[in-house]
Protein backbone atom coordinates (compact mmCIF):
# COMPACT_ATOMS: atom_id res chain seq x y z
CA MET A 1 0.95 35.68 3.74
CA VAL A 2 3.38 37.14 6.49
CA LEU A 3 5.16 40.46 6.72
CA ILE A 4 8.36 41.02 8.34
CA GLN A 5 10.87 43.17 8.52
CA CYS A 6 14.36 43.14 7.05
CA PRO A 7 16.94 42.73 9.52
CA HIS A 8 19.20 45.03 7.61
CA CYS A 9 17.29 47.83 6.33
CA GLU A 10 14.10 47.19 8.10
CA GLU A 11 11.88 47.44 5.21
CA GLU A 12 8.96 45.26 5.18
CA ILE A 13 9.12 42.24 3.09
CA GLU A 14 6.05 39.70 2.37
CA LEU A 15 6.73 35.94 2.68
CA ASP A 16 4.46 32.84 2.56
CA ASP A 17 3.18 31.63 5.75
CA ASP A 18 5.37 28.25 4.98
CA ALA A 19 8.56 29.80 3.81
CA PHE A 20 11.92 28.39 4.81
CA GLY A 21 15.50 29.06 3.92
CA GLU A 22 17.81 31.88 2.88
CA PHE A 23 16.45 35.12 1.02
CA GLN A 24 17.33 38.14 -0.54
CA CYS A 25 15.86 41.51 0.30
CA PRO A 26 14.45 43.06 -2.65
CA HIS A 27 14.97 46.42 -0.98
CA CYS A 28 18.54 46.28 0.20
CA GLU A 29 19.63 42.91 -1.62
CA GLY A 30 20.68 41.61 1.93
CA GLU A 31 20.41 37.92 2.51
CA PHE A 32 18.88 36.74 5.68
CA GLU A 33 17.12 33.70 7.03
CA TRP A 34 13.31 32.69 7.86
CA GLY A 35 11.39 30.18 9.10
CA GLU A 36 11.67 26.74 10.45
CA LYS A 37 12.63 23.52 8.76
CA PRO A 38 9.49 21.56 8.28
CA LYS A 39 9.23 18.45 9.85
CA ALA A 40 8.83 15.03 8.09
CA ARG A 41 5.23 13.71 8.41
CA VAL A 42 4.81 9.99 8.68
CA LYS A 43 1.89 8.89 6.53
CA LYS A 44 -0.61 6.64 8.15
CA SER A 45 -2.90 3.89 6.70
CA VAL A 46 -6.03 3.25 8.76
CA TYR A 47 -5.13 -0.26 8.05
CA SER A 48 -1.71 0.39 9.10
CA GLU A 49 0.03 -2.35 11.78
CA PRO A 50 3.55 -4.01 13.01
CA MET A 51 3.92 -6.85 11.05
CA SER A 52 2.73 -9.71 13.03
CA GLY A 53 4.24 -13.52 12.65
CA THR A 54 0.32 -14.28 11.58
CA LYS A 55 0.65 -12.04 8.71
CA ALA A 56 4.06 -12.52 8.00
CA ALA A 57 2.88 -16.36 7.85
CA SER A 58 -0.12 -15.47 5.72
CA HIS A 59 2.01 -13.54 3.21
CA ALA A 60 4.58 -16.55 2.67
CA LEU A 61 1.89 -19.16 2.17
CA HIS A 62 -0.33 -17.23 -0.22
CA GLY A 63 2.94 -16.65 -2.00
CA VAL A 64 3.87 -20.51 -1.98
CA GLY A 65 0.27 -21.13 -3.22
CA GLY A 66 0.26 -18.71 -6.23
CA LEU A 67 3.62 -20.31 -7.32
CA MET A 68 2.42 -23.70 -6.71
CA LEU A 69 -0.71 -22.87 -8.75
CA ILE A 70 1.26 -21.54 -11.84
CA ILE A 71 3.78 -24.18 -12.08
CA GLY A 72 1.63 -27.23 -11.44
CA ALA A 73 -1.01 -26.39 -13.83
CA PHE A 74 1.67 -25.56 -16.71
CA THR A 75 3.69 -28.43 -15.92
CA GLY A 76 0.61 -30.66 -15.52
CA TRP A 77 1.70 -31.73 -11.82
CA ILE A 78 -1.74 -30.62 -10.41
CA ALA A 79 -3.32 -33.76 -11.73
CA VAL A 80 -5.52 -36.86 -11.10
CA VAL A 81 -3.62 -39.90 -11.50
CA ILE A 82 -4.81 -43.61 -11.96
CA GLY A 83 -1.86 -45.91 -10.73
CA ASP A 84 0.91 -45.64 -13.27
CA VAL A 85 -1.57 -45.75 -16.30
CA LEU A 86 -3.53 -42.27 -16.53
CA SER A 87 -2.31 -38.83 -15.40
CA ALA A 88 -5.20 -36.07 -16.20
CA GLY A 89 -3.85 -32.51 -16.07
CA PRO A 90 -5.82 -29.08 -16.59
CA PHE A 91 -4.64 -29.01 -20.07
CA GLY A 92 -4.97 -32.67 -21.32
CA MET A 93 -4.33 -36.41 -20.36
CA LYS A 94 -1.21 -38.59 -20.53
CA VAL A 95 -1.56 -42.30 -21.00
CA SER A 96 1.34 -44.86 -20.27
CA MET A 97 1.31 -48.40 -20.79
CA PHE A 98 3.89 -50.95 -21.66
CA GLY A 99 6.47 -48.75 -21.40
CA PHE A 100 4.78 -46.23 -24.33
CA SER A 101 2.86 -42.66 -23.53
CA ALA A 102 0.92 -40.55 -25.46
CA THR A 103 -0.73 -37.27 -24.33
CA SER A 104 -3.61 -35.07 -25.59
CA GLY A 105 -5.29 -31.93 -24.99
CA TRP A 106 -9.04 -31.77 -23.69
CA PHE A 107 -10.40 -30.28 -27.08
CA ASN A 108 -8.78 -33.30 -29.12
CA PHE A 109 -11.37 -35.86 -27.13
CA PHE A 110 -14.32 -33.88 -28.91
CA GLU A 111 -13.06 -36.16 -32.22
CA ASP A 112 -14.19 -39.38 -30.78
CA GLU A 113 -16.53 -41.25 -28.24
CA ASN A 114 -14.96 -39.59 -25.47
CA SER A 115 -16.38 -36.27 -25.59
CA VAL A 116 -18.05 -36.52 -22.17
CA LEU A 117 -14.40 -36.96 -20.77
CA ALA A 118 -13.29 -33.63 -22.70
CA ILE A 119 -16.17 -31.67 -20.75
CA PHE A 120 -14.74 -32.63 -17.39
CA GLY A 121 -11.39 -32.21 -18.53
CA ILE A 122 -12.08 -28.44 -19.82
CA THR A 123 -14.08 -27.41 -16.46
CA PHE A 124 -11.13 -29.16 -14.80
CA MET A 125 -9.00 -26.47 -16.80
CA ILE A 126 -11.42 -23.52 -16.38
CA LEU A 127 -11.64 -24.21 -12.60
CA VAL A 128 -7.83 -24.28 -12.26
CA ILE A 129 -7.33 -21.17 -14.11
CA ILE A 130 -9.78 -19.28 -12.04
CA ALA A 131 -8.11 -20.32 -9.18
CA ILE A 132 -4.74 -18.85 -10.39
CA VAL A 133 -6.52 -15.56 -11.30
CA VAL A 134 -7.87 -15.15 -8.06
CA GLN A 135 -5.08 -16.15 -6.19
CA ILE A 136 -2.76 -13.57 -8.14
CA ALA A 137 -5.45 -10.91 -7.48
CA HIS A 138 -5.22 -11.98 -4.06
CA LEU A 139 -1.24 -11.19 -4.24
CA VAL A 140 -2.04 -8.03 -5.76
CA PHE A 141 -3.97 -6.83 -2.98
CA ARG A 142 -1.68 -7.65 -0.23
CA VAL A 143 1.10 -5.89 -2.26
CA VAL A 144 -1.58 -2.99 -2.82
CA ILE A 145 -2.04 -3.01 1.14
CA HIS A 146 1.34 -3.32 2.25
CA MET A 147 2.54 -0.44 0.06
CA GLU A 148 0.01 1.97 0.97
CA ASP A 149 0.50 1.12 4.85
CA SER A 150 4.29 2.05 4.48
CA GLY A 151 3.61 5.20 2.65
CA THR A 152 5.29 3.92 -1.02
CA LEU A 153 2.07 4.24 -2.67
CA GLU A 154 -0.69 6.30 -2.79
CA VAL A 155 -4.54 4.71 -3.69
CA SER A 156 -8.02 5.93 -3.82
CA LEU A 157 -10.15 5.13 -0.68
CA GLU A 158 -12.04 2.93 -2.97
CA MET A 159 -8.74 0.63 -4.15
CA ALA A 160 -7.60 0.46 -0.46
CA TYR A 161 -11.11 -0.81 0.63
CA ARG A 162 -11.76 -3.21 -2.24
CA SER A 163 -7.80 -4.61 -1.35
CA TYR A 164 -8.70 -4.85 2.17
CA HIS A 165 -12.16 -6.20 1.79
CA TYR A 166 -11.61 -8.89 -0.76
CA ARG A 167 -8.39 -10.50 0.39
CA TRP A 168 -10.64 -13.43 2.27
CA HIS A 169 -12.70 -13.97 -0.91
CA THR A 170 -10.07 -14.18 -3.29
CA SER A 171 -7.95 -16.28 -0.59
CA LEU A 172 -11.28 -18.89 -0.31
CA ALA A 173 -12.05 -18.72 -3.85
CA ALA A 174 -8.58 -19.88 -4.80
CA LEU A 175 -9.18 -22.98 -2.49
CA ILE A 176 -12.75 -23.83 -3.66
CA CYS A 177 -11.68 -23.97 -7.47
CA SER A 178 -9.11 -26.10 -6.86
CA VAL A 179 -10.43 -28.72 -4.68
CA ALA A 180 -13.81 -28.37 -7.29
CA GLY A 181 -11.58 -29.04 -10.24
CA LEU A 182 -9.87 -32.25 -9.01
CA ILE A 183 -13.18 -33.54 -7.65
CA VAL A 184 -14.60 -32.80 -11.53
CA MET A 185 -11.60 -34.62 -12.87
CA GLU A 186 -11.80 -37.54 -10.55
CA ILE A 187 -15.51 -38.12 -11.54
CA GLY A 188 -14.51 -37.40 -15.32
CA LEU A 189 -11.85 -40.48 -14.97
CA LEU A 190 -13.95 -42.58 -12.85
CA ILE A 191 -16.87 -42.84 -15.77
CA GLY A 192 -14.32 -42.88 -18.40
CA PHE A 193 -11.63 -45.31 -17.40
CA GLY A 194 -12.72 -46.45 -14.25
CA GLU A 195 -12.00 -49.94 -14.96
CA PHE A 196 -8.37 -49.20 -14.52
CA GLY A 197 -8.51 -48.45 -10.80
CA PHE A 198 -10.04 -45.17 -8.58
CA PRO A 199 -8.71 -42.09 -9.40
CA ARG A 200 -6.95 -39.73 -6.98
CA PRO A 201 -5.01 -36.51 -6.76
CA SER A 202 -1.58 -36.35 -7.53
CA LEU A 203 1.15 -35.92 -4.69
CA PHE A 204 1.54 -32.49 -5.90
CA ALA A 205 -1.70 -31.64 -6.06
CA ILE A 206 -2.60 -33.03 -2.46
CA LEU A 207 0.22 -30.44 -1.17
CA LEU A 208 -1.42 -27.84 -3.12
CA ILE A 209 -4.70 -28.14 -1.46
CA GLY A 210 -2.92 -28.32 1.87
CA VAL A 211 -1.03 -24.97 1.39
CA LEU A 212 -4.54 -23.47 -0.17
CA GLY A 213 -6.09 -24.50 3.07
CA GLY A 214 -3.26 -23.25 5.27
CA GLN A 215 -3.44 -19.73 3.68
CA PHE A 216 -6.97 -19.53 3.96
CA TYR A 217 -6.89 -20.46 7.69
CA MET A 218 -4.15 -17.85 8.10
CA MET A 219 -6.50 -15.62 6.50
CA ASN A 220 -9.09 -15.88 8.87
CA LYS A 221 -6.50 -15.29 11.84
CA GLU A 222 -5.34 -11.91 10.27
CA LEU A 223 -8.73 -11.15 10.03
CA ALA A 224 -9.39 -12.07 13.68
CA ASN A 225 -6.29 -10.20 14.81
CA GLU A 226 -7.51 -7.07 13.06
């Protein structure tokens, strides 16, 4: 608190230390101004830095990778194929022969002699779902860090640390799970339908792995610059 004299009646008035604006004297009811306008404070984060080209490219690649994972999983574009005959996606397989096609979910294969293939297919599905989850977690971490840096979001130190620290792990996990899922599915198709040809990733799956590999490379460039 601070004691000042009223400019009108010179009686003492008690105000807060950071008081600012127009006031009315409780003694003579005269109006007066007091204090200095507080200066705006810019919130700074321990991780704050100008947006670099590396960081912008990393943001873009991780965003594209997330979209490709989600869209590819639910459209069946993330797949292992054998020519134009078989296409195995995360949630089932499509068989096309003589102008006809049929699809079946992996759990349906437990009902016949292809139960082993069902295990490979379900493993593929689980790995792709994990890749999607960790990719989304990574994007959330990026948004939290960006908003915390800009001062539009306040988070605990623990949350800020986790968001900053686990970016690398989630970026790598999305890549590993996607590659592992495709390899598992290739092995399953090779065992079950190897006589029709050699299984290979679809073009979309190859592009996805390229994007996920690129985003992990940019993640490491980010950390090197920090």
